[in-house]
Protein backbone atom coordinates (compact mmCIF):
# COMPACT_ATOMS: atom_id res chain seq x y z
CA UNK A 1 76.33 -38.10 229.15
CA UNK A 2 79.10 -40.06 227.59
CA UNK A 3 78.67 -38.69 224.16
CA UNK A 4 79.02 -35.17 225.38
CA UNK A 5 82.18 -35.99 227.86
CA UNK A 6 83.76 -37.76 224.92
CA UNK A 7 83.59 -34.60 222.15
CA UNK A 8 84.49 -32.10 224.97
CA UNK A 9 87.27 -34.14 225.91
CA UNK A 10 88.68 -34.76 222.33
CA UNK A 11 88.24 -30.99 221.59
CA UNK A 12 89.93 -29.84 224.74
CA UNK A 13 92.92 -31.97 223.91
CA UNK A 14 92.92 -31.28 220.25
CA UNK A 15 92.98 -27.41 221.05
CA UNK A 16 95.75 -27.75 223.90
CA UNK A 17 98.11 -29.71 221.72
CA UNK A 18 97.41 -29.89 218.05
CA UNK A 19 99.51 -28.06 215.89
CA UNK A 20 101.07 -27.95 212.27
CA UNK A 21 103.85 -29.86 213.33
CA UNK A 22 104.57 -33.80 212.46
CA UNK A 23 101.19 -36.09 213.04
CA UNK A 24 101.36 -39.39 214.92
CA UNK A 25 100.05 -42.41 213.44
CA UNK A 26 98.38 -45.07 215.99
CA UNK A 27 98.73 -48.64 214.43
CA UNK A 28 95.97 -51.06 215.16
CA UNK A 29 96.53 -54.82 214.80
CA UNK A 30 94.63 -57.24 217.19
CA UNK A 31 97.04 -59.37 217.13
CA UNK A 32 99.94 -56.83 218.24
CA UNK A 33 97.64 -55.42 221.25
CA UNK A 34 96.31 -59.34 222.11
CA UNK A 35 100.15 -60.09 222.95
CA UNK A 36 101.29 -57.11 224.50
CA UNK A 37 97.74 -57.39 226.87
CA UNK A 38 98.87 -60.97 227.65
CA UNK A 39 102.52 -59.28 228.81
CA UNK A 40 100.79 -56.58 230.59
CA UNK A 41 98.14 -58.43 232.40
CA UNK A 42 100.26 -59.89 235.52
CA UNK A 43 101.89 -56.65 235.84
CA UNK A 44 98.50 -54.50 235.92
CA UNK A 45 97.16 -56.50 237.93
CA UNK A 46 100.11 -56.34 240.66
CA UNK A 47 99.46 -52.32 240.22
CA UNK A 48 96.08 -52.93 241.38
CA UNK A 49 94.93 -52.28 237.55
CA UNK A 50 92.07 -53.89 235.82
CA UNK A 51 93.95 -55.78 232.79
CA UNK A 52 90.88 -55.55 230.92
CA UNK A 53 90.48 -51.72 231.11
CA UNK A 54 94.14 -50.79 230.46
CA UNK A 55 94.95 -51.02 226.53
CA UNK A 56 98.40 -51.27 225.68
CA UNK A 57 98.35 -49.19 222.11
CA UNK A 58 101.46 -48.94 219.71
CA UNK A 59 102.59 -45.48 217.98
CA UNK A 60 104.09 -45.81 214.83
CA UNK A 61 107.58 -44.07 215.96
CA UNK A 62 111.13 -45.23 215.71
CA UNK A 63 112.26 -43.50 218.49
CA UNK A 64 112.38 -45.23 222.23
CA UNK A 65 109.33 -44.07 223.88
CA UNK A 66 106.60 -44.80 226.52
CA UNK A 67 104.05 -42.84 227.99
CA UNK A 68 100.46 -42.41 229.26
CA UNK A 69 97.47 -39.48 229.38
CA UNK A 70 95.01 -41.07 231.23
CA UNK A 71 94.44 -44.28 233.41
CA UNK A 72 93.10 -46.44 230.69
CA UNK A 73 95.74 -46.52 228.20
CA UNK A 74 99.71 -47.08 227.92
CA UNK A 75 101.23 -46.16 224.76
CA UNK A 76 104.17 -47.50 223.16
CA UNK A 77 106.25 -46.32 220.23
CA UNK A 78 106.81 -49.01 218.09
CA UNK A 79 110.83 -48.19 217.68
CA UNK A 80 110.68 -49.18 221.65
CA UNK A 81 109.16 -52.44 221.21
CA UNK A 82 111.63 -53.36 218.33
CA UNK A 83 114.39 -52.76 220.42
CA UNK A 84 113.45 -54.33 223.20
CA UNK A 85 115.33 -57.95 223.49
CA UNK A 86 112.87 -60.20 225.81
CA UNK A 87 109.51 -59.95 227.36
CA UNK A 88 111.14 -58.79 231.12
CA UNK A 89 112.48 -55.73 229.09
CA UNK A 90 109.20 -54.82 227.98
CA UNK A 91 106.93 -55.83 230.70
CA UNK A 92 109.61 -53.34 232.74
CA UNK A 93 108.33 -50.36 230.74
CA UNK A 94 104.91 -51.28 230.93
CA UNK A 95 105.03 -51.67 234.54
CA UNK A 96 106.80 -48.16 234.81
CA UNK A 97 103.97 -46.85 233.36
CA UNK A 98 101.51 -48.69 235.17
CA UNK A 99 103.46 -47.00 238.20
CA UNK A 100 102.90 -43.57 236.90
CA UNK A 101 99.04 -44.40 236.72
CA UNK A 102 99.24 -45.99 239.98
CA UNK A 103 100.74 -43.31 242.05
CA UNK A 104 98.43 -40.72 240.85
CA UNK A 105 101.10 -38.76 238.76
CA UNK A 106 98.40 -37.65 236.18
CA UNK A 107 97.05 -35.67 238.37
CA UNK A 108 99.80 -33.21 238.77
CA UNK A 109 100.35 -32.96 234.81
CA UNK A 110 100.63 -29.23 234.17
CA UNK A 111 98.00 -29.53 231.54
CA UNK A 112 94.90 -30.21 232.61
CA UNK A 113 93.41 -33.21 230.69
CA UNK A 114 91.09 -34.32 233.45
CA UNK A 115 88.05 -34.66 231.41
CA UNK A 116 89.60 -36.66 228.98
CA UNK A 117 88.57 -40.07 230.52
CA UNK A 118 87.27 -42.46 228.07
CA UNK A 119 88.74 -44.84 225.71
CA UNK A 120 88.67 -42.20 223.11
CA UNK A 121 90.41 -39.66 225.10
CA UNK A 122 93.68 -40.11 222.71
CA UNK A 123 91.12 -40.76 219.68
CA UNK A 124 91.36 -37.34 218.64
CA UNK A 125 95.30 -36.74 219.10
CA UNK A 126 96.49 -39.81 217.66
CA UNK A 127 93.58 -42.38 216.64
CA UNK A 128 92.35 -42.51 213.36
CA UNK A 129 92.51 -44.17 209.72
CA UNK A 130 92.13 -41.71 207.00
CA UNK A 131 93.77 -44.98 205.07
CA UNK A 132 96.03 -47.52 204.95
CA UNK A 133 100.10 -47.28 205.68
CA UNK A 134 101.85 -48.49 202.82
CA UNK A 135 102.09 -52.18 202.71
CA UNK A 136 99.20 -53.11 205.00
CA UNK A 137 96.16 -51.50 205.17
CA UNK A 138 94.40 -53.27 208.09
CA UNK A 139 97.53 -53.34 209.92
CA UNK A 140 97.82 -49.27 210.25
CA UNK A 141 95.54 -46.83 211.56
CA UNK A 142 96.19 -43.28 209.81
CA UNK A 143 97.45 -40.08 211.30
CA UNK A 144 94.94 -37.70 213.15
CA UNK A 145 95.90 -34.10 214.66
CA UNK A 146 99.46 -33.16 214.78
CA UNK A 147 101.24 -32.53 217.97
CA UNK A 148 103.49 -29.70 218.76
CA UNK A 149 106.41 -31.41 220.37
CA UNK A 150 106.97 -28.35 223.48
CA UNK A 151 103.31 -29.04 224.49
CA UNK A 152 103.76 -32.80 224.07
CA UNK A 153 106.84 -32.69 226.23
CA UNK A 154 105.46 -30.57 228.88
CA UNK A 155 102.32 -32.57 229.15
CA UNK A 156 104.23 -36.04 229.32
CA UNK A 157 107.32 -35.07 231.71
CA UNK A 158 107.84 -36.70 234.75
CA UNK A 159 110.07 -35.05 237.62
CA UNK A 160 112.81 -36.71 238.86
CA UNK A 161 110.81 -37.53 242.13
CA UNK A 162 108.18 -39.10 239.76
CA UNK A 163 110.56 -41.32 238.01
CA UNK A 164 112.23 -42.87 241.04
CA UNK A 165 109.01 -43.45 242.86
CA UNK A 166 107.78 -44.98 239.30
CA UNK A 167 110.83 -47.09 239.46
CA UNK A 168 110.26 -48.42 242.85
CA UNK A 169 106.62 -49.49 242.28
CA UNK A 170 107.21 -50.80 238.94
CA UNK A 171 109.96 -52.96 240.38
CA UNK A 172 107.21 -54.39 243.06
CA UNK A 173 104.84 -54.94 240.46
CA UNK A 174 107.17 -56.95 238.77
CA UNK A 175 108.51 -58.80 241.46
CA UNK A 176 104.85 -59.45 242.88
CA UNK A 177 104.08 -60.92 239.17
CA UNK A 178 107.12 -63.21 239.06
CA UNK A 179 109.12 -61.37 236.73
CA UNK A 180 112.37 -60.93 236.02
CA UNK A 181 114.11 -57.57 237.37
CA UNK A 182 117.01 -58.01 235.55
CA UNK A 183 114.69 -56.85 232.53
CA UNK A 184 114.19 -53.41 234.13
CA UNK A 185 118.22 -53.22 234.42
CA UNK A 186 118.25 -53.62 230.64
CA UNK A 187 116.10 -51.23 229.97
CA UNK A 188 117.67 -48.46 231.79
CA UNK A 189 121.11 -49.46 230.48
CA UNK A 190 119.59 -49.16 227.03
CA UNK A 191 118.76 -45.27 228.12
CA UNK A 192 121.45 -44.30 230.06
CA UNK A 193 123.86 -43.25 227.45
CA UNK A 194 120.81 -40.50 226.15
CA UNK A 195 121.83 -37.92 228.72
CA UNK A 196 124.91 -37.58 227.32
CA UNK A 197 123.49 -36.22 223.91
CA UNK A 198 122.76 -33.54 222.81
CA UNK A 199 118.82 -32.44 223.21
CA UNK A 200 118.33 -32.83 219.52
CA UNK A 201 119.63 -36.53 219.41
CA UNK A 202 117.81 -37.83 222.72
CA UNK A 203 114.96 -39.95 222.08
CA UNK A 204 111.50 -38.77 223.76
CA UNK A 205 111.69 -40.96 226.69
CA UNK A 206 115.15 -39.65 227.85
CA UNK A 207 113.44 -35.93 227.66
CA UNK A 208 110.05 -37.05 229.31
CA UNK A 209 111.60 -39.36 232.10
CA UNK A 210 114.54 -37.71 233.47
CA UNK A 211 117.78 -40.30 233.71
CA UNK A 212 120.25 -40.36 235.95
CA UNK A 213 123.09 -42.58 237.45
CA UNK A 214 121.32 -42.21 240.58
CA UNK A 215 118.40 -44.05 238.62
CA UNK A 216 120.45 -46.51 237.54
CA UNK A 217 122.27 -47.52 240.46
CA UNK A 218 118.89 -47.61 242.29
CA UNK A 219 117.36 -49.76 240.03
CA UNK A 220 120.14 -52.13 239.62
CA UNK A 221 120.50 -52.38 243.41
CA UNK A 222 116.52 -53.24 243.85
CA UNK A 223 116.96 -56.22 241.07
CA UNK A 224 120.14 -57.67 243.02
CA UNK A 225 118.46 -57.64 246.30
CA UNK A 226 115.57 -59.60 244.57
CA UNK A 227 115.09 -63.22 246.45
CA UNK A 228 115.66 -65.61 243.92
CA UNK A 229 115.58 -65.54 240.05
CA UNK A 230 112.35 -65.37 238.73
CA UNK A 231 111.03 -68.13 237.08
CA UNK A 232 111.19 -68.61 233.29
CA UNK A 233 107.63 -67.78 231.76
CA UNK A 234 107.16 -69.53 228.21
CA UNK A 235 103.69 -68.06 227.70
CA UNK A 236 105.45 -64.34 228.17
CA UNK A 237 108.26 -65.48 225.62
CA UNK A 238 105.99 -66.42 223.15
CA UNK A 239 103.60 -63.45 223.24
CA UNK A 240 106.59 -61.20 223.57
CA UNK A 241 108.23 -63.06 220.20
CA UNK A 242 104.72 -62.85 218.44
CA UNK A 243 104.14 -59.28 218.99
CA UNK A 244 107.44 -57.94 218.55
CA UNK A 245 107.58 -60.58 215.26
CA UNK A 246 104.56 -59.23 213.37
CA UNK A 247 105.12 -55.74 214.30
CA UNK A 248 109.25 -55.89 212.69
CA UNK A 249 107.35 -57.98 209.82
CA UNK A 250 105.19 -54.93 208.94
CA UNK A 251 107.81 -52.40 209.65
CA UNK A 252 111.10 -53.96 208.37
CA UNK A 253 111.62 -54.71 204.50
CA UNK A 254 110.74 -58.29 203.50
CA UNK A 255 114.11 -59.43 202.70
CA UNK A 256 114.81 -58.75 206.33
CA UNK A 257 112.06 -60.47 207.73
CA UNK A 258 112.68 -63.70 205.35
CA UNK A 259 116.25 -63.79 206.73
CA UNK A 260 115.28 -63.75 210.17
CA UNK A 261 111.98 -65.37 210.52
CA UNK A 262 112.39 -68.45 212.68
CA UNK A 263 114.63 -66.89 214.84
CA UNK A 264 112.13 -66.70 217.43
CA UNK A 265 112.08 -71.02 217.93
CA UNK A 266 108.22 -70.73 217.61
CA UNK A 267 107.22 -72.16 214.23
CA UNK A 268 103.91 -70.59 213.95
CA UNK A 269 105.40 -67.11 214.58
CA UNK A 270 108.03 -68.05 211.76
CA UNK A 271 105.07 -68.43 209.52
CA UNK A 272 103.04 -65.59 210.23
CA UNK A 273 105.96 -63.45 209.46
CA UNK A 274 107.33 -65.43 206.55
CA UNK A 275 103.19 -65.00 205.16
CA UNK A 276 103.67 -61.12 206.12
CA UNK A 277 106.79 -60.84 204.07
CA UNK A 278 105.47 -62.34 201.15
CA UNK A 279 102.17 -60.63 201.32
CA UNK A 280 103.94 -57.28 201.20
CA UNK A 281 106.14 -58.49 198.34
CA UNK A 282 102.26 -59.34 196.36
CA UNK A 283 103.20 -62.99 196.35
CA UNK A 284 99.98 -64.49 197.31
CA UNK A 285 100.94 -67.90 196.12
CA UNK A 286 103.52 -67.77 198.99
CA UNK A 287 101.71 -65.72 201.49
CA UNK A 288 98.54 -67.89 201.54
CA UNK A 289 100.56 -71.16 202.45
CA UNK A 290 102.52 -69.61 204.82
CA UNK A 291 99.42 -68.45 206.91
CA UNK A 292 97.76 -71.67 206.20
CA UNK A 293 100.84 -73.49 208.39
CA UNK A 294 100.35 -71.39 210.63
CA UNK A 295 96.69 -71.55 211.34
CA UNK A 296 97.36 -75.69 211.15
CA UNK A 297 99.36 -75.21 214.15
CA UNK A 298 96.88 -73.02 215.87
CA UNK A 299 93.51 -74.03 214.12
CA UNK A 300 91.60 -72.18 216.87
CA UNK A 301 93.41 -68.93 217.02
CA UNK A 302 91.53 -66.19 215.85
CA UNK A 303 94.48 -63.59 215.04
CA UNK A 304 95.57 -65.81 212.43
CA UNK A 305 92.51 -66.00 210.62
CA UNK A 306 92.42 -62.40 210.93
CA UNK A 307 95.50 -62.33 209.02
CA UNK A 308 94.53 -64.66 206.28
CA UNK A 309 91.47 -62.11 205.79
CA UNK A 310 93.75 -59.13 205.48
CA UNK A 311 96.14 -60.95 203.25
CA UNK A 312 92.98 -62.23 201.26
CA UNK A 313 91.02 -58.92 201.48
CA UNK A 314 94.26 -56.94 200.29
CA UNK A 315 94.71 -59.14 197.39
CA UNK A 316 90.92 -58.35 195.98
CA UNK A 317 90.23 -62.34 197.00
CA UNK A 318 86.57 -60.75 198.58
CA UNK A 319 84.57 -63.75 199.14
CA UNK A 320 87.56 -65.62 200.77
CA UNK A 321 88.33 -62.68 203.07
CA UNK A 322 84.77 -62.52 204.35
CA UNK A 323 85.11 -65.91 205.22
CA UNK A 324 88.48 -65.70 207.17
CA UNK A 325 87.12 -62.76 208.78
CA UNK A 326 84.08 -64.54 209.27
CA UNK A 327 85.89 -67.31 211.34
CA UNK A 328 88.08 -64.72 213.14
CA UNK A 329 84.85 -63.31 214.49
CA UNK A 330 83.51 -66.41 215.64
CA UNK A 331 86.62 -67.14 217.53
CA UNK A 332 86.72 -63.78 219.21
CA UNK A 333 83.24 -62.35 218.80
CA UNK A 334 84.06 -59.38 221.57
CA UNK A 335 87.40 -58.17 219.92
CA UNK A 336 86.55 -54.53 218.00
CA UNK A 337 89.25 -54.78 215.34
CA UNK A 338 88.04 -57.92 214.17
CA UNK A 339 84.64 -57.37 214.00
CA UNK A 340 85.30 -53.88 212.12
CA UNK A 341 87.69 -55.94 209.79
CA UNK A 342 84.85 -58.13 209.10
CA UNK A 343 82.20 -55.61 208.74
CA UNK A 344 84.50 -54.25 206.33
CA UNK A 345 84.91 -57.37 204.17
CA UNK A 346 81.17 -57.54 204.22
CA UNK A 347 80.48 -54.12 203.06
CA UNK A 348 83.06 -54.67 200.03
CA UNK A 349 81.08 -57.98 199.48
CA UNK A 350 77.98 -55.79 199.33
CA UNK A 351 76.62 -57.38 202.49
CA UNK A 352 75.40 -54.14 203.44
CA UNK A 353 73.27 -54.82 206.10
CA UNK A 354 75.26 -57.68 207.55
CA UNK A 355 78.01 -54.98 207.65
CA UNK A 356 76.28 -52.38 208.94
CA UNK A 357 75.63 -54.95 212.28
CA UNK A 358 79.10 -56.15 212.65
CA UNK A 359 80.56 -52.16 211.85
CA UNK A 360 78.31 -51.12 214.90
CA UNK A 361 79.18 -53.58 217.20
CA UNK A 362 82.81 -52.53 216.72
CA UNK A 363 81.86 -48.63 216.85
CA UNK A 364 80.12 -49.47 220.22
CA UNK A 365 83.00 -51.73 221.74
CA UNK A 366 86.13 -49.53 220.17
CA UNK A 367 85.84 -45.36 219.94
CA UNK A 368 89.25 -45.11 217.97
CA UNK A 369 88.78 -46.84 214.81
CA UNK A 370 87.63 -44.03 212.53
CA UNK A 371 87.97 -46.73 209.61
CA UNK A 372 84.72 -48.27 211.51
CA UNK A 373 83.19 -44.94 211.35
CA UNK A 374 84.01 -44.54 207.95
CA UNK A 375 82.95 -47.82 206.54
CA UNK A 376 79.71 -47.52 208.87
CA UNK A 377 78.81 -44.26 207.39
CA UNK A 378 79.14 -45.84 203.94
CA UNK A 379 76.92 -48.56 204.88
CA UNK A 380 74.10 -46.28 206.26
CA UNK A 381 74.22 -44.20 203.08
CA UNK A 382 73.95 -47.19 201.09
CA UNK A 383 70.40 -48.21 203.38
CA UNK A 384 69.30 -44.35 202.66
CA UNK A 385 69.95 -43.68 206.70
CA UNK A 386 71.72 -40.11 205.33
CA UNK A 387 70.83 -38.79 208.66
CA UNK A 388 72.85 -41.44 210.53
CA UNK A 389 75.38 -41.38 207.66
CA UNK A 390 76.33 -37.51 208.17
CA UNK A 391 76.47 -38.09 211.94
CA UNK A 392 79.12 -40.99 211.47
CA UNK A 393 80.65 -38.24 209.32
CA UNK A 394 80.78 -35.74 211.59
CA UNK A 395 82.07 -37.76 214.57
CA UNK A 396 84.95 -39.44 211.82
CA UNK A 397 86.00 -35.43 211.07
CA UNK A 398 85.75 -34.65 214.92
CA UNK A 399 88.30 -37.49 215.68
CA UNK A 400 90.61 -36.85 213.30
CA UNK A 401 90.41 -32.39 214.60
CA UNK A 402 88.76 -31.57 211.37
CA UNK A 403 86.03 -29.44 213.63
CA UNK A 404 84.71 -27.01 210.90
CA UNK A 405 83.96 -30.09 208.51
CA UNK A 406 82.40 -32.00 211.50
CA UNK A 407 80.18 -28.84 212.40
CA UNK A 408 79.03 -28.77 208.52
CA UNK A 409 78.06 -32.74 208.77
CA UNK A 410 76.80 -32.57 212.48
CA UNK A 411 74.48 -29.65 211.39
CA UNK A 412 73.27 -31.79 207.96
CA UNK A 413 72.50 -34.56 210.11
CA UNK A 414 70.64 -32.39 212.79
CA UNK A 415 67.91 -31.29 209.94
CA UNK A 416 67.59 -34.98 208.80
CA UNK A 417 66.99 -37.05 212.05
CA UNK A 418 64.16 -36.67 214.09
CA UNK A 419 64.56 -34.46 217.00
CA UNK A 420 65.67 -35.67 220.32
CA UNK A 421 66.44 -39.11 219.02
CA UNK A 422 69.90 -40.59 220.00
CA UNK A 423 71.53 -39.99 216.43
CA UNK A 424 70.28 -36.25 216.55
CA UNK A 425 71.52 -36.07 219.91
CA UNK A 426 74.99 -37.40 218.69
CA UNK A 427 75.04 -34.52 216.76
CA UNK A 428 74.09 -31.73 218.97
CA UNK A 429 77.00 -33.01 221.33
CA UNK A 430 79.61 -32.44 218.14
CA UNK A 431 78.12 -29.18 217.56
CA UNK A 432 78.25 -27.72 221.13
CA UNK A 433 81.74 -29.19 221.34
CA UNK A 434 82.87 -27.54 218.23
CA UNK A 435 81.36 -24.15 219.35
CA UNK A 436 83.05 -24.72 223.06
CA UNK A 437 86.39 -25.19 221.11
CA UNK A 438 85.63 -22.06 218.91
CA UNK A 439 85.43 -19.87 221.87
CA UNK A 440 88.40 -21.38 223.24
CA UNK A 441 90.34 -20.30 220.12
CA UNK A 442 89.02 -16.68 220.06
């Protein structure tokens, strides 16, 4: 059963990698993830991978790093995205990680996580949102289990042979997708100086992806051998500017953003960045006109309506937020993050049954967002479904690596739900996985 595999994978991953070290944070934003998906799609298709199944996710970390843990997700550090200067550079990183997937390098990892194949495999390690990051409740997901640096480096490290193969394959994918290979050279040049630094000063990428002058020369030679220069790609340029622009607007100081809001040359992106900056200053009088201006330029863009909903929700304009999120959900009815945000707003507005419907739809589409589990548990409790509320709470604690708390709520759910029901079975899955983890610990 899928639920059993999910929690077993989650707990195995947590047992192997979790430690009291600094926790990682997974940033969840539908607009940024959509932009990254647009950039990744041609590369993934060239690699023979499904552009619909492979998620491109962002980790809140200033370092230059990217990695994979399974065949369904590529993780990029926010610091890496912000250091990329053009779409081709970011696409080259994605192509390199896609090559590791396509070349089967995961099968050679020293730590066996073969069972962690669901979309939520990283859910326990990285997912989760206990609360909002400063200045952005919807933008950032909170921290889950901490990851021990040495264990992570061991798991994510690639050999030089694998790196050479991924360089060659990744550049082939870029060429097939019509992307300028110069982007790969620029990225290699960015990392080239890392090897001369002490280990403690190196970015994580340098420690997990061995660099060398030979690799740089090989990548440069492959780029120079490209037959003709790739044609400009305005679509890639736009989505790169938008994803990076929104990320920087939430991570940089508002003053910095406002001074550079128009640097991309896209007016709607300028207005979106200004809206974020004003919102982070709690200036609704300027934030709303800015986001409304962006929406006027792209009236059917669900992600701009979602941002409008966020601004209103965090400004405690609940009714208006419900309307904005509702419009976003109408435009993107399959986007789990938007559905979850809409459900959250409906719940705050007292529309509990409707909120539960949208939250459940979000949960079914994306198991990584523990905000949805938290809100859905609250909705179930308000409707008198204490057993289901306990199941959802147990799942949320399990995803955060709090197995003892998860077990307590799973036992409570087992006592409240009809034996053999779907909710009861989900509770049993948690109990079985928690017991297995306890035995491994012993």
